[in-house]
């Protein structure tokens, strides 16, 4: 909805029932029904913990797969979905080389099984690569981001979009907005 938020991955990990750090699947149904806490209220610990009672102001409205008929949508379909919906959740095959990524365009071409979810946030045709945001913090890759070549390591597997509920204009309570 054209607003940057910092929702809590830890909340979803601890409370959704959609998996753990050892595996799982998209937690959209939890985000629709329950919502997500703010990162500041429920910080990431990189380990599954006990679900905490906190406010969950961020809710999803609806979600869908970019193309439910294929495991990995085409480059063109992923680009169109990014333009239509914004950032996409995608799965990827993480290997030791992926984990060791520092910079540049990652192009391992591994055919390993998918085992990790990341956020697809953009692309660069001159690099023939996707821009992804990982959940491993700013110390990994390029401050938490990676350039990954199109069609490498099964990037784009189970690509999905989510539409968020509109956030209130003012989270701290009612406000009066004067005409300019």
N, C-alpha and C. Protein backbone atom coordinates (compact mmCIF):
# COMPACT_ATOMS: atom_id res chain seq x y z
N UNK A 1 0.82 -1.21 0.00
CA UNK A 1 0.00 0.00 0.00
C UNK A 1 0.85 1.25 0.00
N UNK A 2 1.99 1.19 -0.68
CA UNK A 2 2.87 2.34 -0.86
C UNK A 2 3.47 2.84 0.44
N UNK A 3 3.54 2.01 1.47
CA UNK A 3 4.14 2.40 2.74
C UNK A 3 5.13 1.33 3.17
N UNK A 4 6.30 1.76 3.62
CA UNK A 4 7.28 0.82 4.13
C UNK A 4 6.96 0.51 5.60
N UNK A 5 6.89 -0.76 5.91
CA UNK A 5 6.68 -1.17 7.30
C UNK A 5 7.79 -2.14 7.67
N UNK A 6 7.99 -2.33 8.94
CA UNK A 6 8.97 -3.30 9.41
C UNK A 6 8.24 -4.26 10.33
N UNK A 7 7.67 -5.30 9.70
CA UNK A 7 6.92 -6.28 10.48
C UNK A 7 7.86 -7.34 11.03
N UNK A 8 7.39 -8.07 12.01
CA UNK A 8 8.21 -9.01 12.76
C UNK A 8 8.22 -10.41 12.15
N UNK A 9 9.38 -10.82 11.64
CA UNK A 9 9.53 -12.21 11.18
C UNK A 9 9.41 -13.17 12.36
N UNK A 10 9.92 -12.74 13.53
CA UNK A 10 9.91 -13.60 14.71
C UNK A 10 8.48 -13.92 15.14
N UNK A 11 7.59 -12.94 15.06
CA UNK A 11 6.18 -13.16 15.39
C UNK A 11 5.62 -14.27 14.51
N UNK A 12 5.85 -14.17 13.21
CA UNK A 12 5.34 -15.18 12.28
C UNK A 12 5.98 -16.53 12.56
N UNK A 13 7.27 -16.56 12.82
CA UNK A 13 7.98 -17.80 13.13
C UNK A 13 7.43 -18.45 14.39
N UNK A 14 7.27 -17.68 15.45
CA UNK A 14 6.83 -18.23 16.74
C UNK A 14 5.35 -18.60 16.78
N UNK A 15 4.52 -17.86 16.06
CA UNK A 15 3.08 -17.94 16.30
C UNK A 15 2.23 -18.51 15.17
N UNK A 16 2.74 -18.57 13.94
CA UNK A 16 1.88 -18.92 12.80
C UNK A 16 1.61 -20.41 12.66
N UNK A 17 2.51 -21.26 13.15
CA UNK A 17 2.37 -22.70 12.93
C UNK A 17 2.75 -23.11 11.51
N UNK A 18 3.32 -22.18 10.74
CA UNK A 18 3.65 -22.46 9.34
C UNK A 18 5.04 -23.07 9.17
N UNK A 19 5.78 -23.26 10.26
CA UNK A 19 7.09 -23.87 10.14
C UNK A 19 8.05 -23.36 11.19
N UNK A 20 9.32 -23.66 10.95
CA UNK A 20 10.39 -23.26 11.86
C UNK A 20 11.60 -22.89 11.02
N UNK A 21 12.72 -22.66 11.67
CA UNK A 21 13.95 -22.36 10.93
C UNK A 21 14.42 -23.59 10.15
N UNK A 22 13.84 -24.75 10.44
CA UNK A 22 14.18 -25.98 9.73
C UNK A 22 13.30 -26.22 8.51
N UNK A 23 12.29 -25.39 8.33
CA UNK A 23 11.42 -25.54 7.17
C UNK A 23 10.00 -25.13 7.47
N UNK A 24 9.26 -24.92 6.43
CA UNK A 24 7.87 -24.51 6.57
C UNK A 24 7.34 -24.01 5.25
N UNK A 25 6.28 -23.26 5.28
CA UNK A 25 5.69 -22.72 4.06
C UNK A 25 5.09 -21.37 4.34
N UNK A 26 4.59 -20.71 3.31
CA UNK A 26 4.05 -19.37 3.43
C UNK A 26 3.01 -19.30 4.54
N UNK A 27 3.02 -18.23 5.29
CA UNK A 27 2.16 -18.05 6.47
C UNK A 27 1.06 -17.03 6.21
N UNK A 28 0.63 -16.89 4.98
CA UNK A 28 -0.35 -15.86 4.65
C UNK A 28 -1.66 -16.01 5.39
N UNK A 29 -2.13 -17.23 5.59
CA UNK A 29 -3.40 -17.40 6.30
C UNK A 29 -3.31 -16.84 7.72
N UNK A 30 -2.17 -17.01 8.37
CA UNK A 30 -1.95 -16.42 9.69
C UNK A 30 -1.96 -14.90 9.61
N UNK A 31 -1.29 -14.36 8.59
CA UNK A 31 -1.21 -12.91 8.45
C UNK A 31 -2.58 -12.30 8.12
N UNK A 32 -3.44 -13.05 7.46
CA UNK A 32 -4.80 -12.58 7.18
C UNK A 32 -5.65 -12.64 8.45
N UNK A 33 -5.58 -13.76 9.15
CA UNK A 33 -6.43 -13.96 10.33
C UNK A 33 -5.93 -13.18 11.55
N UNK A 34 -4.62 -13.22 11.81
CA UNK A 34 -4.07 -12.67 13.05
C UNK A 34 -3.29 -11.38 12.85
N UNK A 35 -2.52 -11.31 11.79
CA UNK A 35 -1.69 -10.13 11.54
C UNK A 35 -0.26 -10.34 12.00
N UNK A 36 0.50 -9.26 11.95
CA UNK A 36 1.91 -9.31 12.31
C UNK A 36 2.25 -8.14 13.23
N UNK A 37 3.13 -8.42 14.17
CA UNK A 37 3.62 -7.38 15.09
C UNK A 37 4.65 -6.51 14.39
N UNK A 38 4.96 -5.40 15.01
CA UNK A 38 6.06 -4.55 14.54
C UNK A 38 7.37 -5.20 14.97
N UNK A 39 8.39 -5.08 14.12
CA UNK A 39 9.71 -5.62 14.44
C UNK A 39 10.22 -5.08 15.78
N UNK A 40 10.00 -3.81 16.05
CA UNK A 40 10.47 -3.20 17.29
C UNK A 40 9.82 -3.84 18.52
N UNK A 41 8.60 -4.33 18.37
CA UNK A 41 7.88 -4.95 19.49
C UNK A 41 8.18 -6.44 19.64
N UNK A 42 8.74 -7.05 18.58
CA UNK A 42 8.95 -8.50 18.57
C UNK A 42 10.18 -8.80 17.70
N UNK A 43 11.40 -8.47 18.21
CA UNK A 43 12.61 -8.56 17.39
C UNK A 43 13.00 -9.98 16.99
N UNK A 44 13.71 -10.07 15.88
CA UNK A 44 14.15 -11.35 15.33
C UNK A 44 15.26 -11.96 16.17
N UNK A 45 15.15 -13.26 16.48
CA UNK A 45 16.13 -13.96 17.30
C UNK A 45 16.82 -15.11 16.56
N UNK A 46 16.37 -15.41 15.35
CA UNK A 46 16.94 -16.49 14.52
C UNK A 46 16.76 -17.87 15.13
N UNK A 47 15.75 -18.03 15.98
CA UNK A 47 15.40 -19.33 16.55
C UNK A 47 13.93 -19.27 16.94
N UNK A 48 13.23 -20.37 16.72
CA UNK A 48 11.81 -20.42 17.08
C UNK A 48 11.66 -20.36 18.59
N UNK A 49 10.73 -19.53 19.05
CA UNK A 49 10.49 -19.37 20.47
C UNK A 49 9.01 -19.53 20.80
N UNK A 50 8.64 -19.09 21.98
CA UNK A 50 7.26 -19.14 22.44
C UNK A 50 6.52 -17.90 21.95
N UNK A 51 5.31 -18.10 21.47
CA UNK A 51 4.50 -17.00 20.95
C UNK A 51 4.18 -16.00 22.06
N UNK A 52 4.39 -14.73 21.76
CA UNK A 52 4.15 -13.66 22.73
C UNK A 52 2.86 -12.92 22.40
N UNK A 53 2.22 -12.41 23.43
CA UNK A 53 1.02 -11.59 23.25
C UNK A 53 1.46 -10.15 23.02
N UNK A 54 1.32 -9.68 21.79
CA UNK A 54 1.66 -8.30 21.42
C UNK A 54 0.60 -7.80 20.44
N UNK A 55 0.59 -6.51 20.23
CA UNK A 55 -0.30 -5.96 19.21
C UNK A 55 0.20 -6.38 17.83
N UNK A 56 -0.73 -6.67 16.94
CA UNK A 56 -0.40 -7.07 15.58
C UNK A 56 -1.16 -6.17 14.60
N UNK A 57 -0.60 -4.96 14.36
CA UNK A 57 -1.33 -3.97 13.56
C UNK A 57 -1.30 -4.22 12.05
N UNK A 58 -0.40 -5.07 11.58
CA UNK A 58 -0.26 -5.28 10.14
C UNK A 58 -0.98 -6.57 9.74
N UNK A 59 -1.97 -6.44 8.87
CA UNK A 59 -2.72 -7.62 8.41
C UNK A 59 -2.71 -7.72 6.91
N UNK A 60 -2.75 -8.95 6.44
CA UNK A 60 -2.89 -9.21 5.02
C UNK A 60 -4.38 -9.33 4.69
N UNK A 61 -4.71 -9.01 3.46
CA UNK A 61 -6.10 -9.08 3.01
C UNK A 61 -6.34 -10.30 2.14
N UNK A 62 -5.44 -10.54 1.20
CA UNK A 62 -5.58 -11.63 0.24
C UNK A 62 -4.20 -11.96 -0.31
N UNK A 63 -4.03 -13.18 -0.80
CA UNK A 63 -2.76 -13.57 -1.40
C UNK A 63 -3.02 -14.53 -2.54
N UNK A 64 -1.99 -14.75 -3.37
CA UNK A 64 -2.09 -15.72 -4.46
C UNK A 64 -0.72 -16.02 -5.04
N UNK A 65 -0.67 -17.13 -5.78
CA UNK A 65 0.57 -17.49 -6.48
C UNK A 65 0.66 -16.70 -7.77
N UNK A 66 1.87 -16.35 -8.18
CA UNK A 66 2.07 -15.66 -9.44
C UNK A 66 1.55 -16.53 -10.59
N UNK A 67 1.86 -17.82 -10.56
CA UNK A 67 1.33 -18.78 -11.54
C UNK A 67 1.22 -20.13 -10.85
N UNK A 68 0.01 -20.48 -10.45
CA UNK A 68 -0.22 -21.72 -9.70
C UNK A 68 -0.02 -22.97 -10.55
N UNK A 69 0.17 -22.81 -11.87
CA UNK A 69 0.31 -23.95 -12.76
C UNK A 69 1.76 -24.41 -12.96
N UNK A 70 2.71 -23.64 -12.47
CA UNK A 70 4.12 -24.00 -12.62
C UNK A 70 4.84 -23.80 -11.29
N UNK A 71 5.93 -24.55 -11.09
CA UNK A 71 6.72 -24.37 -9.86
C UNK A 71 7.46 -23.04 -9.86
N UNK A 72 8.05 -22.69 -11.01
CA UNK A 72 8.81 -21.45 -11.13
C UNK A 72 8.24 -20.64 -12.29
N UNK A 73 7.58 -19.54 -12.01
CA UNK A 73 7.05 -18.71 -13.10
C UNK A 73 8.17 -18.16 -13.99
N UNK A 74 7.82 -17.80 -15.19
CA UNK A 74 8.79 -17.24 -16.14
C UNK A 74 9.32 -15.90 -15.62
N UNK A 75 10.45 -15.49 -16.17
CA UNK A 75 11.02 -14.19 -15.83
C UNK A 75 10.00 -13.10 -16.12
N UNK A 76 9.34 -13.17 -17.26
CA UNK A 76 8.34 -12.16 -17.64
C UNK A 76 7.17 -12.14 -16.65
N UNK A 77 6.70 -13.31 -16.22
CA UNK A 77 5.58 -13.37 -15.26
C UNK A 77 5.99 -12.78 -13.91
N UNK A 78 7.22 -13.05 -13.48
CA UNK A 78 7.69 -12.50 -12.21
C UNK A 78 7.82 -10.97 -12.29
N UNK A 79 8.34 -10.47 -13.40
CA UNK A 79 8.45 -9.02 -13.57
C UNK A 79 7.07 -8.36 -13.54
N UNK A 80 6.11 -8.96 -14.25
CA UNK A 80 4.76 -8.40 -14.28
C UNK A 80 4.15 -8.40 -12.88
N UNK A 81 4.33 -9.50 -12.13
CA UNK A 81 3.79 -9.58 -10.77
C UNK A 81 4.44 -8.54 -9.86
N UNK A 82 5.75 -8.31 -10.00
CA UNK A 82 6.41 -7.28 -9.21
C UNK A 82 5.80 -5.91 -9.50
N UNK A 83 5.51 -5.64 -10.76
CA UNK A 83 4.91 -4.35 -11.13
C UNK A 83 3.47 -4.25 -10.63
N UNK A 84 2.74 -5.36 -10.69
CA UNK A 84 1.32 -5.36 -10.29
C UNK A 84 1.12 -5.36 -8.78
N UNK A 85 1.97 -6.11 -8.05
CA UNK A 85 1.74 -6.34 -6.62
C UNK A 85 2.82 -5.81 -5.70
N UNK A 86 4.01 -5.53 -6.22
CA UNK A 86 5.12 -5.16 -5.37
C UNK A 86 5.94 -6.38 -5.00
N UNK A 87 6.74 -6.31 -3.93
CA UNK A 87 7.63 -7.42 -3.56
C UNK A 87 6.89 -8.76 -3.47
N UNK A 88 7.60 -9.82 -3.88
CA UNK A 88 7.04 -11.17 -3.92
C UNK A 88 7.80 -12.09 -2.97
N UNK A 89 7.10 -13.02 -2.37
CA UNK A 89 7.75 -14.09 -1.62
C UNK A 89 8.12 -15.18 -2.61
N UNK A 90 9.37 -15.62 -2.57
CA UNK A 90 9.83 -16.69 -3.46
C UNK A 90 10.71 -17.64 -2.66
N UNK A 91 10.78 -18.88 -3.12
CA UNK A 91 11.69 -19.85 -2.52
C UNK A 91 12.92 -19.97 -3.42
N UNK A 92 13.99 -20.48 -2.82
CA UNK A 92 15.27 -20.61 -3.51
C UNK A 92 16.04 -21.78 -2.90
N UNK A 93 16.95 -22.35 -3.67
CA UNK A 93 17.83 -23.42 -3.17
C UNK A 93 19.08 -22.76 -2.59
N UNK A 94 19.18 -22.79 -1.27
CA UNK A 94 20.34 -22.23 -0.58
C UNK A 94 21.41 -23.31 -0.44
N UNK A 95 22.62 -22.96 -0.81
CA UNK A 95 23.78 -23.83 -0.71
C UNK A 95 24.84 -23.12 0.14
N UNK A 96 25.95 -23.76 0.37
CA UNK A 96 27.03 -23.10 1.11
C UNK A 96 27.55 -21.89 0.34
N UNK A 97 27.56 -21.97 -0.99
CA UNK A 97 28.00 -20.81 -1.78
C UNK A 97 27.02 -19.65 -1.62
N UNK A 98 25.73 -19.94 -1.60
CA UNK A 98 24.71 -18.91 -1.38
C UNK A 98 24.92 -18.27 -0.02
N UNK A 99 25.13 -19.08 1.00
CA UNK A 99 25.34 -18.57 2.36
C UNK A 99 26.57 -17.67 2.44
N UNK A 100 27.59 -17.95 1.63
CA UNK A 100 28.84 -17.20 1.67
C UNK A 100 28.83 -15.97 0.77
N UNK A 101 27.72 -15.68 0.10
CA UNK A 101 27.63 -14.56 -0.83
C UNK A 101 28.01 -13.25 -0.16
N UNK A 102 28.82 -12.45 -0.87
CA UNK A 102 29.23 -11.12 -0.37
C UNK A 102 28.76 -10.01 -1.30
N UNK A 103 28.95 -10.16 -2.63
CA UNK A 103 28.57 -9.11 -3.56
C UNK A 103 28.62 -9.65 -4.99
N UNK A 104 28.17 -8.80 -5.92
CA UNK A 104 28.15 -9.17 -7.33
C UNK A 104 26.89 -9.95 -7.67
N UNK A 105 26.89 -10.58 -8.84
CA UNK A 105 25.74 -11.39 -9.28
C UNK A 105 26.04 -12.85 -8.96
N UNK A 106 25.22 -13.43 -8.10
CA UNK A 106 25.34 -14.85 -7.73
C UNK A 106 24.77 -15.68 -8.87
N UNK A 107 25.56 -16.66 -9.36
CA UNK A 107 25.12 -17.47 -10.48
C UNK A 107 25.68 -18.88 -10.36
N UNK A 108 25.26 -19.57 -9.32
CA UNK A 108 25.77 -20.92 -9.06
C UNK A 108 25.14 -21.95 -9.97
N UNK A 109 23.86 -21.83 -10.24
CA UNK A 109 23.18 -22.81 -11.09
C UNK A 109 22.92 -24.13 -10.40
N UNK A 110 22.84 -24.14 -9.08
CA UNK A 110 22.59 -25.38 -8.35
C UNK A 110 21.18 -25.89 -8.63
N UNK A 111 21.06 -27.19 -8.68
CA UNK A 111 19.76 -27.83 -8.87
C UNK A 111 19.28 -28.48 -7.57
N UNK A 112 19.84 -28.04 -6.44
CA UNK A 112 19.45 -28.57 -5.13
C UNK A 112 17.97 -28.26 -4.86
N UNK A 113 17.41 -28.93 -3.88
CA UNK A 113 16.01 -28.68 -3.53
C UNK A 113 15.87 -27.30 -2.89
N UNK A 114 14.71 -26.69 -3.10
CA UNK A 114 14.44 -25.40 -2.45
C UNK A 114 14.41 -25.63 -0.94
N UNK A 115 14.90 -24.63 -0.21
CA UNK A 115 14.96 -24.79 1.24
C UNK A 115 14.91 -23.47 2.00
N UNK A 116 14.55 -22.37 1.30
CA UNK A 116 14.57 -21.08 1.97
C UNK A 116 13.65 -20.11 1.24
N UNK A 117 13.05 -19.21 1.99
CA UNK A 117 12.21 -18.17 1.42
C UNK A 117 12.88 -16.82 1.52
N UNK A 118 12.76 -16.02 0.47
CA UNK A 118 13.31 -14.67 0.42
C UNK A 118 12.27 -13.75 -0.23
N UNK A 119 12.55 -12.47 -0.23
CA UNK A 119 11.67 -11.50 -0.86
C UNK A 119 12.31 -10.99 -2.15
N UNK A 120 11.59 -11.18 -3.25
CA UNK A 120 12.03 -10.67 -4.54
C UNK A 120 11.56 -9.23 -4.65
N UNK A 121 12.52 -8.29 -4.76
CA UNK A 121 12.17 -6.87 -4.70
C UNK A 121 12.41 -6.11 -6.00
N UNK A 122 13.14 -6.70 -6.96
CA UNK A 122 13.39 -5.99 -8.20
C UNK A 122 14.25 -6.80 -9.13
N UNK A 123 14.66 -6.15 -10.24
CA UNK A 123 15.51 -6.81 -11.22
C UNK A 123 16.34 -5.79 -11.96
N UNK A 124 17.37 -6.31 -12.65
CA UNK A 124 18.22 -5.48 -13.50
C UNK A 124 18.55 -6.30 -14.73
N UNK A 125 17.94 -5.97 -15.87
CA UNK A 125 18.18 -6.72 -17.10
C UNK A 125 19.62 -6.61 -17.58
N UNK A 126 20.31 -5.52 -17.26
CA UNK A 126 21.71 -5.42 -17.67
C UNK A 126 22.57 -6.44 -16.93
N UNK A 127 22.15 -6.82 -15.74
CA UNK A 127 22.86 -7.85 -14.96
C UNK A 127 22.25 -9.23 -15.17
N UNK A 128 21.05 -9.27 -15.81
CA UNK A 128 20.30 -10.52 -15.96
C UNK A 128 20.08 -11.17 -14.60
N UNK A 129 19.64 -10.32 -13.63
CA UNK A 129 19.55 -10.78 -12.25
C UNK A 129 18.38 -10.16 -11.51
N UNK A 130 17.92 -10.90 -10.52
CA UNK A 130 16.90 -10.45 -9.57
C UNK A 130 17.59 -9.81 -8.38
N UNK A 131 16.92 -8.88 -7.75
CA UNK A 131 17.38 -8.31 -6.47
C UNK A 131 16.49 -8.95 -5.41
N UNK A 132 17.11 -9.61 -4.45
CA UNK A 132 16.35 -10.23 -3.36
C UNK A 132 16.79 -9.66 -2.03
N UNK A 133 15.86 -9.69 -1.07
CA UNK A 133 16.15 -9.33 0.32
C UNK A 133 16.06 -10.60 1.12
N UNK A 134 17.08 -10.87 1.89
CA UNK A 134 17.11 -12.06 2.73
C UNK A 134 16.76 -11.67 4.16
N UNK A 135 16.44 -12.65 4.97
CA UNK A 135 16.07 -12.42 6.37
C UNK A 135 17.24 -12.59 7.32
N UNK A 136 18.45 -12.72 6.80
CA UNK A 136 19.60 -13.01 7.64
C UNK A 136 20.30 -11.78 8.19
N UNK A 137 19.74 -10.63 8.02
CA UNK A 137 20.30 -9.41 8.58
C UNK A 137 21.24 -8.70 7.63
N UNK A 138 21.65 -7.50 8.03
CA UNK A 138 22.48 -6.64 7.18
C UNK A 138 23.92 -7.11 7.07
N UNK A 139 24.33 -8.05 7.91
CA UNK A 139 25.69 -8.57 7.84
C UNK A 139 25.89 -9.58 6.72
N UNK A 140 24.82 -10.04 6.09
CA UNK A 140 24.92 -11.00 4.99
C UNK A 140 24.84 -10.27 3.66
N UNK A 141 25.60 -10.73 2.67
CA UNK A 141 25.51 -10.21 1.32
C UNK A 141 25.78 -8.72 1.24
N UNK A 142 25.00 -8.03 0.42
CA UNK A 142 25.11 -6.59 0.26
C UNK A 142 24.11 -5.92 1.19
N UNK A 143 24.47 -5.84 2.46
CA UNK A 143 23.61 -5.26 3.51
C UNK A 143 22.25 -5.95 3.56
N UNK A 144 22.26 -7.29 3.45
CA UNK A 144 21.04 -8.09 3.53
C UNK A 144 20.39 -8.39 2.19
N UNK A 145 20.98 -7.89 1.10
CA UNK A 145 20.43 -8.08 -0.25
C UNK A 145 21.40 -8.90 -1.11
N UNK A 146 20.89 -9.42 -2.22
CA UNK A 146 21.69 -10.19 -3.16
C UNK A 146 21.19 -9.93 -4.57
N UNK A 147 22.13 -9.93 -5.53
CA UNK A 147 21.79 -10.04 -6.94
C UNK A 147 21.93 -11.52 -7.27
N UNK A 148 20.88 -12.12 -7.80
CA UNK A 148 20.91 -13.54 -8.16
C UNK A 148 20.44 -13.69 -9.60
N UNK A 149 21.24 -14.36 -10.40
CA UNK A 149 20.96 -14.50 -11.83
C UNK A 149 19.61 -15.15 -12.06
N UNK A 150 18.93 -14.67 -13.10
CA UNK A 150 17.67 -15.30 -13.50
C UNK A 150 17.90 -16.81 -13.65
N UNK A 151 16.96 -17.59 -13.20
CA UNK A 151 16.95 -19.05 -13.40
C UNK A 151 18.10 -19.80 -12.72
N UNK A 152 18.68 -19.23 -11.66
CA UNK A 152 19.70 -19.98 -10.92
C UNK A 152 19.16 -20.38 -9.56
N UNK A 153 19.56 -21.52 -9.07
CA UNK A 153 19.19 -22.04 -7.76
C UNK A 153 17.68 -22.01 -7.52
N UNK A 154 16.93 -22.22 -8.59
CA UNK A 154 15.46 -22.30 -8.54
C UNK A 154 14.80 -21.04 -7.98
N UNK A 155 15.48 -19.89 -8.14
CA UNK A 155 14.92 -18.64 -7.64
C UNK A 155 13.56 -18.39 -8.30
N UNK A 156 12.58 -18.04 -7.49
CA UNK A 156 11.23 -17.79 -7.99
C UNK A 156 10.27 -18.92 -7.72
N UNK A 157 10.75 -20.03 -7.16
CA UNK A 157 9.89 -21.17 -6.86
C UNK A 157 8.73 -20.72 -5.97
N UNK A 158 7.52 -21.14 -6.33
CA UNK A 158 6.30 -20.85 -5.56
C UNK A 158 6.10 -19.35 -5.31
N UNK A 159 6.47 -18.55 -6.29
CA UNK A 159 6.35 -17.09 -6.15
C UNK A 159 4.92 -16.70 -5.82
N UNK A 160 4.78 -15.84 -4.83
CA UNK A 160 3.45 -15.42 -4.40
C UNK A 160 3.46 -13.96 -4.00
N UNK A 161 2.27 -13.38 -4.06
CA UNK A 161 2.07 -11.97 -3.72
C UNK A 161 1.06 -11.91 -2.58
N UNK A 162 1.08 -10.79 -1.91
CA UNK A 162 0.11 -10.57 -0.84
C UNK A 162 -0.33 -9.11 -0.91
N UNK A 163 -1.60 -8.91 -0.65
CA UNK A 163 -2.13 -7.55 -0.59
C UNK A 163 -2.43 -7.27 0.88
N UNK A 164 -1.89 -6.18 1.38
CA UNK A 164 -2.07 -5.82 2.78
C UNK A 164 -3.33 -4.99 2.97
N UNK A 165 -3.90 -5.07 4.16
CA UNK A 165 -4.98 -4.14 4.51
C UNK A 165 -4.37 -2.76 4.59
N UNK A 166 -5.14 -1.75 4.26
CA UNK A 166 -4.65 -0.39 4.38
C UNK A 166 -4.35 -0.08 5.84
N UNK A 167 -3.19 0.49 6.07
CA UNK A 167 -2.81 0.88 7.43
C UNK A 167 -3.53 2.18 7.79
N UNK A 168 -3.84 2.37 9.07
CA UNK A 168 -4.45 3.64 9.46
C UNK A 168 -3.49 4.80 9.19
N UNK A 169 -4.03 5.96 8.94
CA UNK A 169 -3.22 7.15 8.66
C UNK A 169 -2.33 7.48 9.84
N UNK A 170 -2.85 7.35 11.04
CA UNK A 170 -2.11 7.69 12.25
C UNK A 170 -2.25 6.54 13.23
N UNK A 171 -1.15 5.87 13.56
CA UNK A 171 -1.21 4.71 14.45
C UNK A 171 -1.38 5.09 15.91
N UNK A 172 -1.13 6.35 16.26
CA UNK A 172 -1.19 6.75 17.66
C UNK A 172 -2.57 7.26 18.08
N UNK A 173 -3.54 7.17 17.23
CA UNK A 173 -4.88 7.62 17.57
C UNK A 173 -5.41 8.58 16.54
N UNK A 174 -6.59 9.11 16.76
CA UNK A 174 -7.18 10.00 15.77
C UNK A 174 -6.39 11.29 15.63
N UNK A 175 -6.46 11.85 14.44
CA UNK A 175 -5.78 13.12 14.22
C UNK A 175 -6.64 13.98 13.31
N UNK A 176 -6.36 15.24 13.30
CA UNK A 176 -7.06 16.19 12.46
C UNK A 176 -6.09 16.63 11.38
N UNK A 177 -6.48 16.46 10.14
CA UNK A 177 -5.63 16.88 9.04
C UNK A 177 -6.28 18.09 8.40
N UNK A 178 -5.60 19.22 8.45
CA UNK A 178 -6.14 20.47 7.90
C UNK A 178 -5.90 20.50 6.40
N UNK A 179 -6.77 21.17 5.70
CA UNK A 179 -6.58 21.37 4.25
C UNK A 179 -5.43 22.35 4.04
N UNK A 180 -4.60 22.03 3.06
CA UNK A 180 -3.44 22.91 2.78
C UNK A 180 -3.85 24.04 1.86
